[in-house]
Amino acid sequence: MSDYIYEVTDNEPMLQNEERVKRNRKRRYYPSNIPQTFIRNAMTGVAYTFLVGSNEQRQLYKMVDALGTCDNEGFIIKERDNLPNPKPNHLFYDSPEQCMSHLNITLSAEDIKRWRERTQKL
């Protein structure tokens, strides 16, 4: 009986430590990786009204992060043992400009124009 009591109390500090580690992680973005779940805006985390894999997702600008520096929840991976993340993260934005602003990147004017033309046809 006393083994059971020690087992329970030994696990409690571990759970508290895991929760503390999760709170200290830094989120880079909100990925939408799971098919048939609501898409989230990668910058704000706000859910859109359509699903990953739907035709409606074509209204959004999609970026795939294959660098492997973030986990599947969009948190920066700090432990070298876990680098790189082998699965790419799928990011959705309202527009290419929002993507550029959030990721601090530059997209070509031609890519932006192509996206605008394609979304106007929808």
PDB file of N, CA and C in Angstrom:
ATOM      1  N   MET A   1       0.823  -1.194   0.000  1.00  0.00           N
ATOM      2  CA  MET A   1       0.000   0.000   0.000  1.00  0.00           C
ATOM      3  C   MET A   1       0.869   1.260   0.000  1.00  0.00           C
ATOM      4  N   SER A   2       1.964   1.247   0.736  1.00  0.00           N
ATOM      5  CA  SER A   2       2.809   2.431   0.793  1.00  0.00           C
ATOM      6  C   SER A   2       3.508   2.685  -0.547  1.00  0.00           C
ATOM      7  N   ASP A   3       3.784   1.622  -1.328  1.00  0.00           N
ATOM      8  CA  ASP A   3       4.375   1.821  -2.651  1.00  0.00           C
ATOM      9  C   ASP A   3       3.449   2.638  -3.537  1.00  0.00           C
ATOM     10  N   TYR A   4       2.172   2.377  -3.447  1.00  0.00           N
ATOM     11  CA  TYR A   4       1.203   3.104  -4.266  1.00  0.00           C
ATOM     12  C   TYR A   4       1.219   4.592  -3.911  1.00  0.00           C
ATOM     13  N   ILE A   5       1.286   4.909  -2.633  1.00  0.00           N
ATOM     14  CA  ILE A   5       1.305   6.313  -2.199  1.00  0.00           C
ATOM     15  C   ILE A   5       2.553   7.000  -2.729  1.00  0.00           C
ATOM     16  N   TYR A   6       3.704   6.357  -2.645  1.00  0.00           N
ATOM     17  CA  TYR A   6       4.938   6.970  -3.142  1.00  0.00           C
ATOM     18  C   TYR A   6       4.899   7.155  -4.653  1.00  0.00           C
ATOM     19  N   GLU A   7       4.297   6.201  -5.337  1.00  0.00           N
ATOM     20  CA  GLU A   7       4.217   6.290  -6.791  1.00  0.00           C
ATOM     21  C   GLU A   7       3.412   7.525  -7.212  1.00  0.00           C
ATOM     22  N   VAL A   8       2.311   7.780  -6.546  1.00  0.00           N
ATOM     23  CA  VAL A   8       1.466   8.924  -6.880  1.00  0.00           C
ATOM     24  C   VAL A   8       2.198  10.227  -6.585  1.00  0.00           C
ATOM     25  N   THR A   9       2.837  10.334  -5.426  1.00  0.00           N
ATOM     26  CA  THR A   9       3.500  11.589  -5.080  1.00  0.00           C
ATOM     27  C   THR A   9       4.739  11.818  -5.936  1.00  0.00           C
ATOM     28  N   ASP A  10       5.395  10.746  -6.400  1.00  0.00           N
ATOM     29  CA  ASP A  10       6.559  10.908  -7.271  1.00  0.00           C
ATOM     30  C   ASP A  10       6.164  11.467  -8.635  1.00  0.00           C
ATOM     31  N   ASN A  11       4.988  11.138  -9.128  1.00  0.00           N
ATOM     32  CA  ASN A  11       4.554  11.607 -10.442  1.00  0.00           C
ATOM     33  C   ASN A  11       4.071  13.052 -10.434  1.00  0.00           C
ATOM     34  N   GLU A  12       3.570  13.530  -9.310  1.00  0.00           N
ATOM     35  CA  GLU A  12       3.035  14.883  -9.254  1.00  0.00           C
ATOM     36  C   GLU A  12       4.082  15.951  -9.599  1.00  0.00           C
ATOM     37  N   PRO A  13       5.291  15.913  -9.043  1.00  0.00           N
ATOM     38  CA  PRO A  13       6.268  16.939  -9.419  1.00  0.00           C
ATOM     39  C   PRO A  13       6.640  16.882 -10.904  1.00  0.00           C
ATOM     40  N   MET A  14       6.649  15.683 -11.492  1.00  0.00           N
ATOM     41  CA  MET A  14       6.955  15.573 -12.913  1.00  0.00           C
ATOM     42  C   MET A  14       5.899  16.279 -13.755  1.00  0.00           C
ATOM     43  N   LEU A  15       4.633  16.117 -13.417  1.00  0.00           N
ATOM     44  CA  LEU A  15       3.572  16.762 -14.170  1.00  0.00           C
ATOM     45  C   LEU A  15       3.675  18.274 -14.055  1.00  0.00           C
ATOM     46  N   GLN A  16       3.957  18.767 -12.853  1.00  0.00           N
ATOM     47  CA  GLN A  16       4.095  20.208 -12.672  1.00  0.00           C
ATOM     48  C   GLN A  16       5.273  20.735 -13.491  1.00  0.00           C
ATOM     49  N   ASN A  17       6.357  19.988 -13.553  1.00  0.00           N
ATOM     50  CA  ASN A  17       7.528  20.402 -14.319  1.00  0.00           C
ATOM     51  C   ASN A  17       7.207  20.433 -15.811  1.00  0.00           C
ATOM     52  N   GLU A  18       6.478  19.425 -16.321  1.00  0.00           N
ATOM     53  CA  GLU A  18       6.088  19.403 -17.731  1.00  0.00           C
ATOM     54  C   GLU A  18       5.212  20.605 -18.071  1.00  0.00           C
ATOM     55  N   GLU A  19       4.279  20.954 -17.185  1.00  0.00           N
ATOM     56  CA  GLU A  19       3.417  22.111 -17.427  1.00  0.00           C
ATOM     57  C   GLU A  19       4.235  23.396 -17.446  1.00  0.00           C
ATOM     58  N   ARG A  20       5.225  23.509 -16.562  1.00  0.00           N
ATOM     59  CA  ARG A  20       6.084  24.685 -16.519  1.00  0.00           C
ATOM     60  C   ARG A  20       6.888  24.811 -17.812  1.00  0.00           C
ATOM     61  N   VAL A  21       7.395  23.695 -18.329  1.00  0.00           N
ATOM     62  CA  VAL A  21       8.159  23.706 -19.580  1.00  0.00           C
ATOM     63  C   VAL A  21       7.271  24.167 -20.723  1.00  0.00           C
ATOM     64  N   LYS A  22       6.022  23.688 -20.796  1.00  0.00           N
ATOM     65  CA  LYS A  22       5.105  24.091 -21.862  1.00  0.00           C
ATOM     66  C   LYS A  22       4.823  25.588 -21.809  1.00  0.00           C
ATOM     67  N   ARG A  23       4.686  26.148 -20.608  1.00  0.00           N
ATOM     68  CA  ARG A  23       4.407  27.578 -20.493  1.00  0.00           C
ATOM     69  C   ARG A  23       5.593  28.425 -20.913  1.00  0.00           C
ATOM     70  N   ASN A  24       6.807  27.927 -20.775  1.00  0.00           N
ATOM     71  CA  ASN A  24       8.010  28.694 -21.098  1.00  0.00           C
ATOM     72  C   ASN A  24       8.413  28.589 -22.565  1.00  0.00           C
ATOM     73  N   ARG A  25       7.717  27.777 -23.332  1.00  0.00           N
ATOM     74  CA  ARG A  25       8.066  27.648 -24.747  1.00  0.00           C
ATOM     75  C   ARG A  25       7.594  28.873 -25.521  1.00  0.00           C
ATOM     76  N   LYS A  26       8.302  29.183 -26.592  1.00  0.00           N
ATOM     77  CA  LYS A  26       7.951  30.338 -27.418  1.00  0.00           C
ATOM     78  C   LYS A  26       7.288  29.864 -28.707  1.00  0.00           C
ATOM     79  N   ARG A  27       6.077  30.360 -28.947  1.00  0.00           N
ATOM     80  CA  ARG A  27       5.335  29.986 -30.151  1.00  0.00           C
ATOM     81  C   ARG A  27       5.765  30.895 -31.298  1.00  0.00           C
ATOM     82  N   ARG A  28       6.105  30.287 -32.419  1.00  0.00           N
ATOM     83  CA  ARG A  28       6.487  31.031 -33.625  1.00  0.00           C
ATOM     84  C   ARG A  28       5.266  31.291 -34.502  1.00  0.00           C
ATOM     85  N   TYR A  29       4.363  30.294 -34.560  1.00  0.00           N
ATOM     86  CA  TYR A  29       3.158  30.406 -35.378  1.00  0.00           C
ATOM     87  C   TYR A  29       2.149  29.340 -34.976  1.00  0.00           C
ATOM     88  N   TYR A  30       0.970  29.407 -35.599  1.00  0.00           N
ATOM     89  CA  TYR A  30      -0.100  28.437 -35.377  1.00  0.00           C
ATOM     90  C   TYR A  30      -0.276  27.626 -36.661  1.00  0.00           C
ATOM     91  N   PRO A  31       0.265  26.419 -36.705  1.00  0.00           N
ATOM     92  CA  PRO A  31       0.126  25.610 -37.926  1.00  0.00           C
ATOM     93  C   PRO A  31      -1.240  24.941 -38.032  1.00  0.00           C
ATOM     94  N   SER A  32      -1.581  24.561 -39.243  1.00  0.00           N
ATOM     95  CA  SER A  32      -2.812  23.806 -39.516  1.00  0.00           C
ATOM     96  C   SER A  32      -2.400  22.554 -40.269  1.00  0.00           C
ATOM     97  N   ASN A  33      -2.058  21.523 -39.530  1.00  0.00           N
ATOM     98  CA  ASN A  33      -1.481  20.315 -40.118  1.00  0.00           C
ATOM     99  C   ASN A  33      -2.449  19.143 -40.244  1.00  0.00           C
ATOM    100  N   ILE A  34      -3.545  19.176 -39.521  1.00  0.00           N
ATOM    101  CA  ILE A  34      -4.417  18.004 -39.448  1.00  0.00           C
ATOM    102  C   ILE A  34      -5.592  18.158 -40.410  1.00  0.00           C
ATOM    103  N   PRO A  35      -5.722  17.256 -41.400  1.00  0.00           N
ATOM    104  CA  PRO A  35      -6.831  17.341 -42.358  1.00  0.00           C
ATOM    105  C   PRO A  35      -8.188  17.290 -41.654  1.00  0.00           C
ATOM    106  N   GLN A  36      -9.148  18.000 -42.240  1.00  0.00           N
ATOM    107  CA  GLN A  36     -10.529  18.049 -41.769  1.00  0.00           C
ATOM    108  C   GLN A  36     -10.675  18.689 -40.385  1.00  0.00           C
ATOM    109  N   THR A  37      -9.725  19.568 -40.002  1.00  0.00           N
ATOM    110  CA  THR A  37      -9.876  20.404 -38.817  1.00  0.00           C
ATOM    111  C   THR A  37      -9.924  21.851 -39.293  1.00  0.00           C
ATOM    112  N   PHE A  38     -10.458  22.732 -38.473  1.00  0.00           N
ATOM    113  CA  PHE A  38     -10.552  24.122 -38.873  1.00  0.00           C
ATOM    114  C   PHE A  38      -9.166  24.734 -39.034  1.00  0.00           C
ATOM    115  N   ILE A  39      -8.984  25.462 -40.115  1.00  0.00           N
ATOM    116  CA  ILE A  39      -7.725  26.152 -40.388  1.00  0.00           C
ATOM    117  C   ILE A  39      -7.600  27.314 -39.415  1.00  0.00           C
ATOM    118  N   ARG A  40      -6.374  27.529 -38.922  1.00  0.00           N
ATOM    119  CA  ARG A  40      -6.087  28.661 -38.046  1.00  0.00           C
ATOM    120  C   ARG A  40      -5.156  29.619 -38.767  1.00  0.00           C
ATOM    121  N   ASN A  41      -5.370  30.898 -38.546  1.00  0.00           N
ATOM    122  CA  ASN A  41      -4.459  31.894 -39.088  1.00  0.00           C
ATOM    123  C   ASN A  41      -3.120  31.707 -38.394  1.00  0.00           C
ATOM    124  N   ALA A  42      -2.054  31.551 -39.163  1.00  0.00           N
ATOM    125  CA  ALA A  42      -0.734  31.246 -38.605  1.00  0.00           C
ATOM    126  C   ALA A  42      -0.203  32.360 -37.715  1.00  0.00           C
ATOM    127  N   MET A  43      -0.598  33.589 -37.976  1.00  0.00           N
ATOM    128  CA  MET A  43      -0.099  34.710 -37.184  1.00  0.00           C
ATOM    129  C   MET A  43      -0.942  34.943 -35.929  1.00  0.00           C
ATOM    130  N   THR A  44      -2.266  34.907 -36.061  1.00  0.00           N
ATOM    131  CA  THR A  44      -3.149  35.258 -34.941  1.00  0.00           C
ATOM    132  C   THR A  44      -3.666  34.057 -34.164  1.00  0.00           C
ATOM    133  N   GLY A  45      -3.736  32.902 -34.815  1.00  0.00           N
ATOM    134  CA  GLY A  45      -4.300  31.718 -34.173  1.00  0.00           C
ATOM    135  C   GLY A  45      -5.811  31.643 -34.265  1.00  0.00           C
ATOM    136  N   VAL A  46      -6.440  32.650 -34.866  1.00  0.00           N
ATOM    137  CA  VAL A  46      -7.896  32.667 -35.004  1.00  0.00           C
ATOM    138  C   VAL A  46      -8.308  31.642 -36.058  1.00  0.00           C
ATOM    139  N   ALA A  47      -9.343  30.864 -35.735  1.00  0.00           N
ATOM    140  CA  ALA A  47      -9.810  29.817 -36.653  1.00  0.00           C
ATOM    141  C   ALA A  47     -10.668  30.412 -37.764  1.00  0.00           C
ATOM    142  N   TYR A  48     -10.452  29.916 -38.973  1.00  0.00           N
ATOM    143  CA  TYR A  48     -11.310  30.256 -40.106  1.00  0.00           C
ATOM    144  C   TYR A  48     -12.516  29.332 -40.077  1.00  0.00           C
ATOM    145  N   THR A  49     -13.480  29.569 -40.954  1.00  0.00           N
ATOM    146  CA  THR A  49     -14.700  28.753 -40.967  1.00  0.00           C
ATOM    147  C   THR A  49     -14.606  27.562 -41.900  1.00  0.00           C
ATOM    148  N   PHE A  50     -13.441  27.324 -42.492  1.00  0.00           N
ATOM    149  CA  PHE A  50     -13.306  26.173 -43.376  1.00  0.00           C
ATOM    150  C   PHE A  50     -12.175  25.261 -42.941  1.00  0.00           C
ATOM    151  N   LEU A  51     -12.157  24.064 -43.525  1.00  0.00           N
ATOM    152  CA  LEU A  51     -11.303  22.974 -43.051  1.00  0.00           C
ATOM    153  C   LEU A  51     -10.036  22.808 -43.885  1.00  0.00           C
ATOM    154  N   VAL A  52      -9.029  22.235 -43.236  1.00  0.00           N
ATOM    155  CA  VAL A  52      -7.792  21.880 -43.932  1.00  0.00           C
ATOM    156  C   VAL A  52      -8.145  20.830 -44.989  1.00  0.00           C
ATOM    157  N   GLY A  53      -7.734  21.071 -46.220  1.00  0.00           N
ATOM    158  CA  GLY A  53      -8.001  20.151 -47.316  1.00  0.00           C
ATOM    159  C   GLY A  53      -9.240  20.484 -48.118  1.00  0.00           C
ATOM    160  N   SER A  54      -9.990  21.489 -47.700  1.00  0.00           N
ATOM    161  CA  SER A  54     -11.208  21.857 -48.428  1.00  0.00           C
ATOM    162  C   SER A  54     -10.877  22.781 -49.602  1.00  0.00           C
ATOM    163  N   ASN A  55     -11.805  22.902 -50.530  1.00  0.00           N
ATOM    164  CA  ASN A  55     -11.616  23.841 -51.640  1.00  0.00           C
ATOM    165  C   ASN A  55     -11.557  25.278 -51.150  1.00  0.00           C
ATOM    166  N   GLU A  56     -12.243  25.577 -50.062  1.00  0.00           N
ATOM    167  CA  GLU A  56     -12.268  26.936 -49.517  1.00  0.00           C
ATOM    168  C   GLU A  56     -10.901  27.409 -49.045  1.00  0.00           C
ATOM    169  N   GLN A  57     -10.020  26.482 -48.706  1.00  0.00           N
ATOM    170  CA  GLN A  57      -8.695  26.885 -48.236  1.00  0.00           C
ATOM    171  C   GLN A  57      -7.916  27.615 -49.328  1.00  0.00           C
ATOM    172  N   ARG A  58      -8.322  27.471 -50.571  1.00  0.00           N
ATOM    173  CA  ARG A  58      -7.632  28.138 -51.676  1.00  0.00           C
ATOM    174  C   ARG A  58      -7.808  29.653 -51.627  1.00  0.00           C
ATOM    175  N   GLN A  59      -8.737  30.139 -50.796  1.00  0.00           N
ATOM    176  CA  GLN A  59      -8.924  31.576 -50.611  1.00  0.00           C
ATOM    177  C   GLN A  59      -7.789  32.188 -49.788  1.00  0.00           C
ATOM    178  N   LEU A  60      -7.049  31.350 -49.094  1.00  0.00           N
ATOM    179  CA  LEU A  60      -5.988  31.811 -48.196  1.00  0.00           C
ATOM    180  C   LEU A  60      -4.627  31.620 -48.839  1.00  0.00           C
ATOM    181  N   TYR A  61      -3.648  32.361 -48.335  1.00  0.00           N
ATOM    182  CA  TYR A  61      -2.280  32.182 -48.798  1.00  0.00           C
ATOM    183  C   TYR A  61      -1.646  31.111 -47.923  1.00  0.00           C
ATOM    184  N   LYS A  62      -1.103  30.075 -48.549  1.00  0.00           N
ATOM    185  CA  LYS A  62      -0.518  28.948 -47.810  1.00  0.00           C
ATOM    186  C   LYS A  62       0.995  28.953 -47.960  1.00  0.00           C
ATOM    187  N   MET A  63       1.662  28.746 -46.830  1.00  0.00           N
ATOM    188  CA  MET A  63       3.118  28.642 -46.788  1.00  0.00           C
ATOM    189  C   MET A  63       3.447  27.345 -46.049  1.00  0.00           C
ATOM    190  N   VAL A  64       4.426  26.609 -46.532  1.00  0.00           N
ATOM    191  CA  VAL A  64       4.860  25.386 -45.856  1.00  0.00           C
ATOM    192  C   VAL A  64       6.242  25.629 -45.272  1.00  0.00           C
ATOM    193  N   ASP A  65       6.359  25.455 -43.946  1.00  0.00           N
ATOM    194  CA  ASP A  65       7.642  25.610 -43.262  1.00  0.00           C
ATOM    195  C   ASP A  65       8.273  24.232 -43.125  1.00  0.00           C
ATOM    196  N   ALA A  66       9.315  23.986 -43.893  1.00  0.00           N
ATOM    197  CA  ALA A  66      10.019  22.701 -43.851  1.00  0.00           C
ATOM    198  C   ALA A  66      11.406  22.838 -43.232  1.00  0.00           C
ATOM    199  N   LEU A  67      11.664  23.945 -42.545  1.00  0.00           N
ATOM    200  CA  LEU A  67      12.975  24.147 -41.920  1.00  0.00           C
ATOM    201  C   LEU A  67      13.212  23.182 -40.757  1.00  0.00           C
ATOM    202  N   GLY A  68      12.136  22.812 -40.058  1.00  0.00           N
ATOM    203  CA  GLY A  68      12.258  21.863 -38.955  1.00  0.00           C
ATOM    204  C   GLY A  68      12.653  22.485 -37.638  1.00  0.00           C
ATOM    205  N   THR A  69      12.576  23.802 -37.519  1.00  0.00           N
ATOM    206  CA  THR A  69      12.968  24.463 -36.270  1.00  0.00           C
ATOM    207  C   THR A  69      11.808  24.636 -35.301  1.00  0.00           C
ATOM    208  N   CYS A  70      10.577  24.302 -35.740  1.00  0.00           N
ATOM    209  CA  CYS A  70       9.398  24.376 -34.880  1.00  0.00           C
ATOM    210  C   CYS A  70       8.722  23.013 -34.823  1.00  0.00           C
ATOM    211  N   ASP A  71       8.099  22.723 -33.678  1.00  0.00           N
ATOM    212  CA  ASP A  71       7.388  21.446 -33.561  1.00  0.00           C
ATOM    213  C   ASP A  71       6.029  21.539 -34.256  1.00  0.00           C
ATOM    214  N   ASN A  72       5.250  20.476 -34.166  1.00  0.00           N
ATOM    215  CA  ASN A  72       3.979  20.431 -34.890  1.00  0.00           C
ATOM    216  C   ASN A  72       2.917  21.350 -34.303  1.00  0.00           C
ATOM    217  N   GLU A  73       3.200  22.002 -33.175  1.00  0.00           N
ATOM    218  CA  GLU A  73       2.284  22.980 -32.589  1.00  0.00           C
ATOM    219  C   GLU A  73       2.760  24.407 -32.828  1.00  0.00           C
ATOM    220  N   GLY A  74       3.896  24.563 -33.523  1.00  0.00           N
ATOM    221  CA  GLY A  74       4.399  25.892 -33.848  1.00  0.00           C
ATOM    222  C   GLY A  74       5.342  26.485 -32.823  1.00  0.00           C
ATOM    223  N   PHE A  75       5.761  25.695 -31.830  1.00  0.00           N
ATOM    224  CA  PHE A  75       6.698  26.179 -30.832  1.00  0.00           C
ATOM    225  C   PHE A  75       8.133  25.948 -31.305  1.00  0.00           C
ATOM    226  N   ILE A  76       9.005  26.888 -31.005  1.00  0.00           N
ATOM    227  CA  ILE A  76      10.418  26.769 -31.376  1.00  0.00           C
ATOM    228  C   ILE A  76      11.036  25.615 -30.595  1.00  0.00           C
ATOM    229  N   ILE A  77      11.746  24.746 -31.300  1.00  0.00           N
ATOM    230  CA  ILE A  77      12.408  23.604 -30.666  1.00  0.00           C
ATOM    231  C   ILE A  77      13.745  24.073 -30.102  1.00  0.00           C
ATOM    232  N   LYS A  78      13.909  23.924 -28.786  1.00  0.00           N
ATOM    233  CA  LYS A  78      15.138  24.384 -28.137  1.00  0.00           C
ATOM    234  C   LYS A  78      16.146  23.250 -27.928  1.00  0.00           C
ATOM    235  N   GLU A  79      15.643  22.027 -27.769  1.00  0.00           N
ATOM    236  CA  GLU A  79      16.530  20.898 -27.499  1.00  0.00           C
ATOM    237  C   GLU A  79      17.147  20.398 -28.802  1.00  0.00           C
ATOM    238  N   ARG A  80      18.436  20.349 -28.870  1.00  0.00           N
ATOM    239  CA  ARG A  80      19.138  19.911 -30.083  1.00  0.00           C
ATOM    240  C   ARG A  80      18.795  18.474 -30.456  1.00  0.00           C
ATOM    241  N   ASP A  81      18.469  17.652 -29.468  1.00  0.00           N
ATOM    242  CA  ASP A  81      18.132  16.255 -29.747  1.00  0.00           C
ATOM    243  C   ASP A  81      16.855  16.133 -30.586  1.00  0.00           C
ATOM    244  N   ASN A  82      15.989  17.142 -30.515  1.00  0.00           N
ATOM    245  CA  ASN A  82      14.716  17.090 -31.233  1.00  0.00           C
ATOM    246  C   ASN A  82      14.759  17.798 -32.594  1.00  0.00           C
ATOM    247  N   LEU A  83      15.909  18.352 -32.942  1.00  0.00           N
ATOM    248  CA  LEU A  83      16.052  19.046 -34.234  1.00  0.00           C
ATOM    249  C   LEU A  83      16.546  18.089 -35.298  1.00  0.00           C
ATOM    250  N   PRO A  84      16.164  18.221 -36.516  1.00  0.00           N
ATOM    251  CA  PRO A  84      15.032  19.021 -36.968  1.00  0.00           C
ATOM    252  C   PRO A  84      13.744  18.234 -36.852  1.00  0.00           C
ATOM    253  N   ASN A  85      12.638  18.963 -36.868  1.00  0.00           N
ATOM    254  CA  ASN A  85      11.326  18.324 -36.916  1.00  0.00           C
ATOM    255  C   ASN A  85      11.159  17.768 -38.331  1.00  0.00           C
ATOM    256  N   PRO A  86      10.961  16.460 -38.492  1.00  0.00           N
ATOM    257  CA  PRO A  86      10.900  15.879 -39.840  1.00  0.00           C
ATOM    258  C   PRO A  86       9.606  16.179 -40.604  1.00  0.00           C
ATOM    259  N   LYS A  87       8.588  16.696 -39.898  1.00  0.00           N
ATOM    260  CA  LYS A  87       7.300  16.947 -40.563  1.00  0.00           C
ATOM    261  C   LYS A  87       7.133  18.444 -40.822  1.00  0.00           C
ATOM    262  N   PRO A  88       6.813  18.828 -42.046  1.00  0.00           N
ATOM    263  CA  PRO A  88       6.616  20.252 -42.339  1.00  0.00           C
ATOM    264  C   PRO A  88       5.335  20.784 -41.698  1.00  0.00           C
ATOM    265  N   ASN A  89       5.332  22.074 -41.411  1.00  0.00           N
ATOM    266  CA  ASN A  89       4.152  22.742 -40.865  1.00  0.00           C
ATOM    267  C   ASN A  89       3.475  23.559 -41.957  1.00  0.00           C
ATOM    268  N   HIS A  90       2.145  23.462 -42.019  1.00  0.00           N
ATOM    269  CA  HIS A  90       1.360  24.176 -43.016  1.00  0.00           C
ATOM    270  C   HIS A  90       0.772  25.430 -42.373  1.00  0.00           C
ATOM    271  N   LEU A  91       1.087  26.574 -42.977  1.00  0.00           N
ATOM    272  CA  LEU A  91       0.686  27.866 -42.425  1.00  0.00           C
ATOM    273  C   LEU A  91      -0.264  28.555 -43.393  1.00  0.00           C
ATOM    274  N   PHE A  92      -1.319  29.159 -42.867  1.00  0.00           N
ATOM    275  CA  PHE A  92      -2.311  29.856 -43.689  1.00  0.00           C
ATOM    276  C   PHE A  92      -2.427  31.304 -43.238  1.00  0.00           C
ATOM    277  N   TYR A  93      -2.516  32.190 -44.236  1.00  0.00           N
ATOM    278  CA  TYR A  93      -2.616  33.629 -43.988  1.00  0.00           C
ATOM    279  C   TYR A  93      -3.740  34.225 -44.822  1.00  0.00           C
ATOM    280  N   ASP A  94      -4.201  35.413 -44.413  1.00  0.00           N
ATOM    281  CA  ASP A  94      -5.214  36.140 -45.183  1.00  0.00           C
ATOM    282  C   ASP A  94      -4.677  36.557 -46.544  1.00  0.00           C
ATOM    283  N   SER A  95      -3.380  36.862 -46.592  1.00  0.00           N
ATOM    284  CA  SER A  95      -2.775  37.375 -47.824  1.00  0.00           C
ATOM    285  C   SER A  95      -1.269  37.117 -47.809  1.00  0.00           C
ATOM    286  N   PRO A  96      -0.624  37.245 -48.957  1.00  0.00           N
ATOM    287  CA  PRO A  96       0.837  37.124 -49.002  1.00  0.00           C
ATOM    288  C   PRO A  96       1.523  38.209 -48.160  1.00  0.00           C
ATOM    289  N   GLU A  97       0.911  39.394 -48.112  1.00  0.00           N
ATOM    290  CA  GLU A  97       1.497  40.479 -47.315  1.00  0.00           C
ATOM    291  C   GLU A  97       1.516  40.152 -45.826  1.00  0.00           C
ATOM    292  N   GLN A  98       0.448  39.513 -45.339  1.00  0.00           N
ATOM    293  CA  GLN A  98       0.418  39.106 -43.939  1.00  0.00           C
ATOM    294  C   GLN A  98       1.506  38.068 -43.669  1.00  0.00           C
ATOM    295  N   CYS A  99       1.693  37.152 -44.596  1.00  0.00           N
ATOM    296  CA  CYS A  99       2.746  36.139 -44.480  1.00  0.00           C
ATOM    297  C   CYS A  99       4.123  36.792 -44.428  1.00  0.00           C
ATOM    298  N   MET A 100       4.372  37.719 -45.335  1.00  0.00           N
ATOM    299  CA  MET A 100       5.677  38.396 -45.374  1.00  0.00           C
ATOM    300  C   MET A 100       5.937  39.162 -44.078  1.00  0.00           C
ATOM    301  N   SER A 101       4.927  39.832 -43.595  1.00  0.00           N
ATOM    302  CA  SER A 101       5.072  40.598 -42.356  1.00  0.00           C
ATOM    303  C   SER A 101       5.357  39.681 -41.168  1.00  0.00           C
ATOM    304  N   HIS A 102       4.630  38.580 -41.085  1.00  0.00           N
ATOM    305  CA  HIS A 102       4.771  37.672 -39.947  1.00  0.00           C
ATOM    306  C   HIS A 102       6.100  36.913 -39.956  1.00  0.00           C
ATOM    307  N   LEU A 103       6.492  36.392 -41.106  1.00  0.00           N
ATOM    308  CA  LEU A 103       7.706  35.584 -41.194  1.00  0.00           C
ATOM    309  C   LEU A 103       8.956  36.401 -41.519  1.00  0.00           C
ATOM    310  N   ASN A 104       8.754  37.704 -41.755  1.00  0.00           N
ATOM    311  CA  ASN A 104       9.864  38.603 -42.094  1.00  0.00           C
ATOM    312  C   ASN A 104      10.623  38.094 -43.323  1.00  0.00           C
ATOM    313  N   ILE A 105       9.848  37.820 -44.379  1.00  0.00           N
ATOM    314  CA  ILE A 105      10.414  37.339 -45.642  1.00  0.00           C
ATOM    315  C   ILE A 105       9.910  38.227 -46.775  1.00  0.00           C
ATOM    316  N   THR A 106      10.474  38.055 -47.951  1.00  0.00           N
ATOM    317  CA  THR A 106      10.024  38.773 -49.135  1.00  0.00           C
ATOM    318  C   THR A 106       9.611  37.760 -50.192  1.00  0.00           C
ATOM    319  N   LEU A 107       8.404  37.941 -50.705  1.00  0.00           N
ATOM    320  CA  LEU A 107       7.908  37.098 -51.793  1.00  0.00           C
ATOM    321  C   LEU A 107       7.989  37.891 -53.085  1.00  0.00           C
ATOM    322  N   SER A 108       8.153  37.202 -54.190  1.00  0.00           N
ATOM    323  CA  SER A 108       8.255  37.906 -55.469  1.00  0.00           C
ATOM    324  C   SER A 108       6.908  38.522 -55.846  1.00  0.00           C
ATOM    325  N   ALA A 109       6.980  39.642 -56.542  1.00  0.00           N
ATOM    326  CA  ALA A 109       5.765  40.316 -56.998  1.00  0.00           C
ATOM    327  C   ALA A 109       4.962  39.408 -57.917  1.00  0.00           C
ATOM    328  N   GLU A 110       5.646  38.583 -58.687  1.00  0.00           N
ATOM    329  CA  GLU A 110       4.955  37.660 -59.585  1.00  0.00           C
ATOM    330  C   GLU A 110       4.155  36.609 -58.819  1.00  0.00           C
ATOM    331  N   ASP A 111       4.720  36.079 -57.725  1.00  0.00           N
ATOM    332  CA  ASP A 111       3.995  35.105 -56.901  1.00  0.00           C
ATOM    333  C   ASP A 111       2.749  35.732 -56.291  1.00  0.00           C
ATOM    334  N   ILE A 112       2.879  36.960 -55.825  1.00  0.00           N
ATOM    335  CA  ILE A 112       1.739  37.660 -55.221  1.00  0.00           C
ATOM    336  C   ILE A 112       0.653  37.894 -56.270  1.00  0.00           C
ATOM    337  N   LYS A 113       1.065  38.335 -57.454  1.00  0.00           N
ATOM    338  CA  LYS A 113       0.120  38.587 -58.539  1.00  0.00           C
ATOM    339  C   LYS A 113      -0.605  37.306 -58.932  1.00  0.00           C
ATOM    340  N   ARG A 114       0.116  36.207 -59.047  1.00  0.00           N
ATOM    341  CA  ARG A 114      -0.470  34.913 -59.403  1.00  0.00           C
ATOM    342  C   ARG A 114      -1.506  34.473 -58.367  1.00  0.00           C
ATOM    343  N   TRP A 115      -1.182  34.670 -57.073  1.00  0.00           N
ATOM    344  CA  TRP A 115      -2.111  34.299 -56.010  1.00  0.00           C
ATOM    345  C   TRP A 115      -3.387  35.143 -56.104  1.00  0.00           C
ATOM    346  N   ARG A 116      -3.234  36.443 -56.339  1.00  0.00           N
ATOM    347  CA  ARG A 116      -4.395  37.341 -56.446  1.00  0.00           C
ATOM    348  C   ARG A 116      -5.286  36.949 -57.630  1.00  0.00           C
ATOM    349  N   GLU A 117      -4.676  36.644 -58.756  1.00  0.00           N
ATOM    350  CA  GLU A 117      -5.450  36.242 -59.933  1.00  0.00           C
ATOM    351  C   GLU A 117      -6.202  34.946 -59.677  1.00  0.00           C
ATOM    352  N   ARG A 118      -5.548  34.005 -59.022  1.00  0.00           N
ATOM    353  CA  ARG A 118      -6.177  32.722 -58.742  1.00  0.00           C
ATOM    354  C   ARG A 118      -7.336  32.880 -57.756  1.00  0.00           C
ATOM    355  N   THR A 119      -7.160  33.703 -56.716  1.00  0.00           N
ATOM    356  CA  THR A 119      -8.226  33.855 -55.731  1.00  0.00           C
ATOM    357  C   THR A 119      -9.397  34.662 -56.285  1.00  0.00           C
ATOM    358  N   GLN A 120      -9.165  35.538 -57.260  1.00  0.00           N
ATOM    359  CA  GLN A 120     -10.274  36.299 -57.853  1.00  0.00           C
ATOM    360  C   GLN A 120     -11.177  35.391 -58.672  1.00  0.00           C
ATOM    361  N   LYS A 121     -10.642  34.297 -59.175  1.00  0.00           N
ATOM    362  CA  LYS A 121     -11.437  33.359 -59.976  1.00  0.00           C
ATOM    363  C   LYS A 121     -12.334  32.486 -59.115  1.00  0.00           C
ATOM    364  N   LEU A 122     -12.067  32.419 -57.825  1.00  0.00           N
ATOM    365  CA  LEU A 122     -12.838  31.542 -56.932  1.00  0.00           C
ATOM    366  C   LEU A 122     -14.205  32.058 -56.651  1.00  0.00           C
TER     367      LEU A 122
END
